[in-house]
Amino acid sequence: MNTHQAKKRVIFSLVFILILAAIFYWILPYLLASPKSCDDIDTSLPELSFEMNYCSGAKCITATKEECETIDIVNSQLEARPDGQPDCMWQNNNCIPNK
């Protein structure tokens, strides 16, 4: 292997490592974030936030248990992003938030 090829390999390796580091830096906050619950939100705000609206039960209004248990409107951080997990549960003939 000549010197030119060795330099190319080193540069390629450094670029690859920098790309991996950038991806890890971008993903790390999501990996370390613990799930939020309705108990964690600040209810003292003067305006109704999406979190407060969800936790008040306004997003879990259905007539049947089947509909209730298929509602998927928030992720584990209570952001308005479906994540494939049911966000409401049927309890005492009512549909309520389960976060």
Protein backbone atom coordinates (compact mmCIF):
# COMPACT_ATOMS: atom_id res chain seq x y z
CA MET A 1 0.00 0.00 0.00
CA ASN A 2 1.45 3.37 -0.91
CA THR A 3 1.32 6.55 1.14
CA HIS A 4 -1.48 8.08 -0.92
CA GLN A 5 -3.79 5.11 -0.29
CA ALA A 6 -2.96 5.14 3.41
CA LYS A 7 -3.85 8.84 3.66
CA LYS A 8 -7.13 8.19 1.85
CA ARG A 9 -7.97 5.42 4.29
CA VAL A 10 -7.21 7.59 7.30
CA ILE A 11 -9.32 10.46 5.95
CA PHE A 12 -12.18 8.08 5.13
CA SER A 13 -11.99 6.60 8.63
CA LEU A 14 -12.02 10.02 10.28
CA VAL A 15 -15.02 11.17 8.22
CA PHE A 16 -16.85 7.94 9.06
CA ILE A 17 -16.14 8.41 12.79
CA LEU A 18 -17.31 12.03 12.65
CA ILE A 19 -20.54 11.00 10.94
CA LEU A 20 -21.17 8.32 13.58
CA ALA A 21 -20.43 10.81 16.37
CA ALA A 22 -22.88 13.32 14.88
CA ILE A 23 -25.61 10.68 14.61
CA PHE A 24 -24.99 9.54 18.19
CA TYR A 25 -25.04 13.16 19.41
CA TRP A 26 -28.37 13.72 17.66
CA ILE A 27 -29.97 10.50 18.97
CA LEU A 28 -28.56 10.54 22.52
CA PRO A 29 -31.20 12.87 24.06
CA TYR A 30 -33.96 10.56 22.81
CA LEU A 31 -32.21 7.51 24.22
CA LEU A 32 -31.75 9.11 27.63
CA ALA A 33 -35.21 10.68 27.91
CA SER A 34 -37.45 8.93 30.36
CA PRO A 35 -41.15 8.66 29.51
CA LYS A 36 -43.37 11.51 30.67
CA SER A 37 -46.67 11.03 32.39
CA CYS A 38 -49.60 13.32 33.02
CA ASP A 39 -48.26 13.76 36.56
CA ASP A 40 -45.10 15.41 35.12
CA ILE A 41 -46.69 18.24 33.14
CA ASP A 42 -46.85 21.85 34.30
CA THR A 43 -50.51 22.78 34.72
CA SER A 44 -49.82 26.33 35.86
CA LEU A 45 -49.38 27.65 32.31
CA PRO A 46 -51.96 30.24 31.22
CA GLU A 47 -52.58 28.51 27.89
CA LEU A 48 -53.78 24.98 27.27
CA SER A 49 -50.93 22.89 25.89
CA PHE A 50 -51.32 19.70 23.87
CA GLU A 51 -50.09 17.74 26.92
CA MET A 52 -52.70 19.33 29.17
CA ASN A 53 -55.42 18.70 26.60
CA TYR A 54 -54.46 15.02 26.32
CA CYS A 55 -54.17 14.56 30.09
CA SER A 56 -57.58 16.17 30.69
CA GLY A 57 -59.09 13.35 28.66
CA ALA A 58 -60.20 15.48 25.71
CA LYS A 59 -58.37 13.20 23.26
CA CYS A 60 -59.85 10.00 24.72
CA ILE A 61 -63.53 10.46 23.95
CA THR A 62 -65.13 7.38 22.43
CA ALA A 63 -68.21 5.28 22.97
CA THR A 64 -66.63 1.83 22.87
CA LYS A 65 -63.76 0.00 24.50
CA GLU A 66 -62.45 -1.10 21.09
CA GLU A 67 -62.21 2.47 19.79
CA CYS A 68 -60.69 3.67 23.05
CA GLU A 69 -57.89 1.12 23.04
CA THR A 70 -56.86 1.96 19.47
CA ILE A 71 -56.32 5.71 20.02
CA ASP A 72 -52.67 6.57 19.31
CA ILE A 73 -51.98 10.29 19.39
CA VAL A 74 -48.93 10.84 21.64
CA ASN A 75 -45.47 9.38 22.11
CA SER A 76 -43.72 8.60 25.39
CA GLN A 77 -42.82 12.30 25.83
CA LEU A 78 -46.50 13.36 25.45
CA GLU A 79 -45.70 14.98 22.11
CA ALA A 80 -48.30 14.90 19.35
CA ARG A 81 -46.72 11.97 17.51
CA PRO A 82 -48.24 8.51 17.24
CA ASP A 83 -45.82 5.78 18.37
CA GLY A 84 -47.82 2.61 17.81
CA GLN A 85 -48.81 2.33 21.48
CA PRO A 86 -52.39 2.83 22.74
CA ASP A 87 -52.75 6.14 24.59
CA CYS A 88 -56.16 5.63 26.19
CA MET A 89 -57.65 2.86 28.29
CA TRP A 90 -61.17 1.73 29.10
CA GLN A 91 -61.95 2.02 32.80
CA ASN A 92 -65.38 1.99 34.48
CA ASN A 93 -67.11 2.39 31.07
CA ASN A 94 -65.03 5.50 30.30
CA CYS A 95 -62.11 6.13 28.00
CA ILE A 96 -59.27 7.85 29.88
CA PRO A 97 -55.60 8.72 29.21
CA ASN A 98 -53.19 5.96 30.23
CA LYS A 99 -49.97 7.96 30.51
